[in-house]
Each structure stands twice: as C-alpha cells, then as structure tokens.
Amino acid sequence: MARAVFKLSTGGRYKITKFNEGHTHSMVPVDTRNLMHSNRNVDEFQQRLIISGIKANIGPMRTFRLAKEILGSYDDVGCTGNDFKNFARDLKVHSKGSDAHMLLESFSNKQELGNGFKFFHHVDEDNKLCRLIWVDEMSVKNYKFFGDAVSFDATYCTNRYKMIFTPFTGRDNHGKCISFGAGLISHENMESYAWVLDRFVDIMGHAPRLFITDQDPGLKKAVASSWKETRHRFCMWHINTKVAEKLPQKLREDADFRGMYDGLVWNENIDPTVFEENWNNMIEEYDLASSRWFSDMYEDRAKWIPAFFRDVPMSGFFRTTSMSESENSYFKRFIQKNSDLVVLYTNFCSGLDSQRYNYKQATHADETRSPMMKTNLPIECNAAAVYTNAMFKEVQEQIDCSSRACAMRKMFSDGDDIIYEIEDKLDGLFTVCRLHPHDDVVCSCKLFTRKGIPCMHMFLVFRNMNLDTIPHKYVAARWCKYSILCPNDSTDQVQNYDKHSKSNLELRIFKIASESIGYVRGNEELCNQLYENLIEVRDKFAKLGTPENSSLSKNRIFDEFYGSSPTETPSVLPPDVAKTKGSGAGGRRKSKKEKAMLLAQKPKRLCRKCKTRGHHDSRNCPTKDDADLSS
C-alpha cells in the first residue's frame, strides 16, 4: 500500500494529500543502488571495449575486469559482468541467419574498392554457403616473394557451423610463418578441396612448387587433380603424432627403437634406396610387419620422408614439426570457437595484423642491429649484410663449421671440372663439384637446394677460391633483408593489413584523451583543470549533437562491426548450425584395435562378481550376462 498522492493546488503548487510509507520490503541500500537494473547502463565506451575484446578473442568477463582496472573500481564501471555478457550475446543474435549474407556483402564492398581484395564463394542446392576463400592484396604480394612452398592445414574445425578453417601459409625471409589467405569449407571431400585449390590459383596466378598438407585422402586426390605440377608432401608433424598410438605397448617406451626411427625418418643425407633398406631392417628387427599403419606409411614414403625430397627446393625448411603446429596454434589464439562467420573473419584479421606487425619488428631489427661475428672471414661480414638476422644465424653456423669442422681430403680435376672431397665431423664425407665454365658449385649434401643457403662444404670451396663474398647466384633472394628483396618498396606496402574499418577517428579521440591524462597525472591542479575542460567540451557537444537512444546506438555499433545490416531476405544463407549438446566430442570413430590399445593402457581393477582383475566391474561383468541367460 505504499503510495504518495499529489494534487495541483491554487498558485501552481502541488500538495501531498496521501502518503503511506508501509513497504513490504526494505529499501535498496545506498551502496548497492548502482546494481539496480534501472541504474545500470553499458555506455558507448564499454560497448566499444567489448567489441575490441571480441576482435582480439577476449571474452566479455575478462573485458569486464579490464574495464574495472581502467575505471578504478567495479562500482565505477556502471554495470555488471552479466551486462557485458548480454551485450556480447546480443552481438551474436544481431547477425543470426544473415551472417553469411553480411560477410559476403562486406567482401563485395572491399572488392569494389579496387584495393586488391579478392574472394570466391560457392553455395549448395539450398543456397547455403558451403565454400569460401579470400585473399587480400598484401597476401598476393607476399606470395610473389615467398610462395615457393605452401603449407595447408585443414585440421582446424571452428565456428558455430563447424566449417573447416583452411589457411594457406608459408615462410617469410625471417623463417617465420606468413599467411597467403584462408578458406572455409563445409565438407572434407575431394570436390571441396579441389574448389579451394582452383580458386587459389585463380587469385595468385600459379600453384606453388611444394605443397605440405596432412594425410586427408580427399585432399590427396584434389592436389593430384588440380595441381599436377606441384610436389605434394605430407606434414611430418601430423604423422609423428600418431606413431605412439600405432606402436605395440612394448615399443612405446623403447628408447632404442625411437632413436632408430628418428634417425631414419629425419635423415636428409641418405638416398631413397638406403632409406628403404634401413626401414625394412627396422620393421624386421622390431617385428612390425603386421602393422597396417607402418605398411601404409611405407607405401606413401615418397610423400613424407626427407630422403625423397633432397632435390626439391625449400623442402628442408618445411620438414620440421614446427610449421603446421605453430600456424595452427597461432590462429587458435585469435579465433573463437562457435563464432559466426563475420566474427571468425574479424578474428583472422586480428591474427593477421599481429603477424604482419611482428614482421615489421623483425625487419626493423635487421636494419638497426648488427649480429656478432664468429670468425674473421670477410665472407661472414658479407653474409651479415645481405641475409636477415634470423637467416644469417643459420648461414653463420655453416661458415663457422667450414672452418672448425671441415677438412679437405682430396682435390682433383675431372676434365675442366674440379672435384673436392670434404669430410665434416658431423655427417661424414661429401663431394663438391666446381663446374666449368661458370664456376658452378654443387655439393652432394644438397643443402643449398633444400634450404636455399650454402652449406659448410661449399663455404670451404669458396675459401679455396679466395672469395670474400658469396657469389650472387648462391644468395637466395627470399632470405635477403627487405631492403634487398624489395629495394623500391616499403614494409607498409607489403605487410600492413588493409584496415577494414571506414574510419579510426573515434579511436584517435580516445587516444588523445588518454594522452592528456598522462600529461597531468600526479599534478592535482592540472588534473582538475583537465576535468573541467572536458566537462565544458562535453556540455558543448551535448547541445550540438543529437544523443541516440541505447537501442539505436547498440544497433549502429553492431552494423559497424559487421560491415552491413542484417536483412530478412539474405541473398546467401549460412550453413546449418552444427549440433553440440549431446552430440559427443565429434571427430573420427576409433577402430576396435585402437579402442583395445587404449583400454590396455588403463589399470585393471578387481571385479566383485567374478573375483578377477580386468577392465570391468560388477555392473558390466561378462559373467553377469551368462548368468542371466541360464536363468
């Protein structure tokens, strides 16, 4: 019955005629009134903070804690963590059913600007997006310099539709991962992979010489069909992660077997015939002839064993486990699972921005830092001047080993050619040929072919030829410093990502305000002056501007994030949302043999029914079924 009744009296004044303060509940305490729904508000600063967090794959609760640290206390935030989560939820709901249409519309706008952005998409019979690939201008330029060997990881399943995220990656002149674009496919079959590979060539102009993937059978067929001139190689990281589960229990902890296996499959200095002989000896010694997996891997040996890639350019830098592993884990740090298509693309752009900024830092270090020398040889100083700092370390190791670990055992003429027999303390005896008439130097270790850098044996021959600089034909341009690789270009033109937001003016306003606070921090008088000035500026623009209501402001920010507005009649529908609740962990089904191997690793326990130790208990004891049948 709590109420207050006011009546207008004569003279334009109000009179209280009834007042009853009898409440059925206590009043909200003063210190918690800010938690009342009517007093909470996610203002524009907080909204943009949440949006920035989503782009950087930072959840709303972490963003809420960050806002508390920025503003001083949770009370100063002006809302709760649930309000932050609700705003992030509303962002997802905003694009529901239209995210494929909104993403493609945003892509079309980028392509119409003529800045080099290109994309292709494909829909199924129900007009639902099932294939997509996009590449920006900088990726095309990067592919021109570093696209001789490309890695393609099709193992990362993401977003609410469980589409397969497929980035194309390579190595830049610092030996780090670099992205050439990415795609999304709904089905892991030969047709989907072939479509992505064909569209990639349509954009880039040509296929790479070397292509590294996992062992997906559909992808294997697609490469053979679409890129006939490309050498296809399986990623050794994916293969070697399966070795332990394919081995018998007794060999999993056998250090001798592991040493023999690693020494065989990673050896780049043996011929295929030597590998085949040693592999068969290993299979016989450890009784693995009945293992179907080892038999299958031997059948595919020409697609993953380094001995079969000794003559393939750049194969040496893609044999390590770090390539696919690092690229996969890199984008996982940026891409949210169960996100819509626009959020996935935005997260990819954030990862790409970070990758390219790291490139600029490495390029800056090349131009401003001089590496330490290990020898007094002039050729080492020459190498430091042309190679990036990261690659110089590898070249420097070869130069150093040519002085302390190599010895020339024999030198003789073969017609007009000169033959050198060189022994190094690491790998044995190698032959270097100096061919007439152009003084071409070829080493039997083939490191220059595999990695694009001269080997220690070649450097010993260079010293014998009294060379103070590395011959130009043995300096691979892809490993050179940026100023040599692109003398008339800048890192901004090659590596900076095209900013997809139409304006950064509002962000610059925030930055200026933050800088102003930094200038007055610690000076109370200046702080008060800045505060008063900001109040004056705010009041001035409050009169000039037209404030939006909260729903309009929220929708405007959502539309800015997505690049377009949702529509009731999208031109392209998104794929079906994948089941998650109750659908299990997903992934491929394990065979009976794999299940038995996993079960064998678990400790046995005592069954109270049959009184024996095994992998069962009284509820699922085998004797229980027999007893039921007999009764």
Foldseek 3Di string as FASTA:
>chain_A
DADWDWDQDPPRDIDTDDGDPDDPDDDDDPVCPLADPVFADCDPVNLVLLLVCLLQVHHLQVSLVVCCVVQPHNSSNSYDSVVSVVLVVVLQVQCVFPLVLLQVVLQVVVVVVVQAKDKDWDADPVLATFKIWIFGPLLLVQCVQWVQEWEWEQPDFFALLRWTKIWIWTAFLLRDIATNIIMTGNDPALVRLLVRQQVSCVSNVAHHQEYEYAVRPSNVVSCVPRVVNHQAAYAVLNVVVCVLLLDPPVCNPPPVLVVLVCCQQADQQDAPVVSVVSLVVSCVVRVVPPRPVSVVCVVVVCRQRNNNCLQAAQQQSRRDNCPVVVVVVLLVSQADGNGGPLSRVSSVVVSLQVVLVVVVVQLVCLVPPQDDADDPALQLVQLSQWFRPSVSVVLRVQQVQLPVFKDWPDWDDDVPKIKTWMAGPPPGIKIWIQDPDPRDIDISSSPCRNRLADGSVVSNVCVVVVDSHDPPVSHRLSRTRPCSNCVPDDSCVNRHDDDSQPDCVVVVVVVVVVVLCVVCPPPPVSVVVVVVVVVVVVVVVPVVDDDDPPVVSSQVVSCSSSVHGGDPDRSGTHRDRDDDPPPPPDDDDDDPVSVVSVLVVDFWDAEPPVRDTDSDHVVPDPVVVVVVVVD
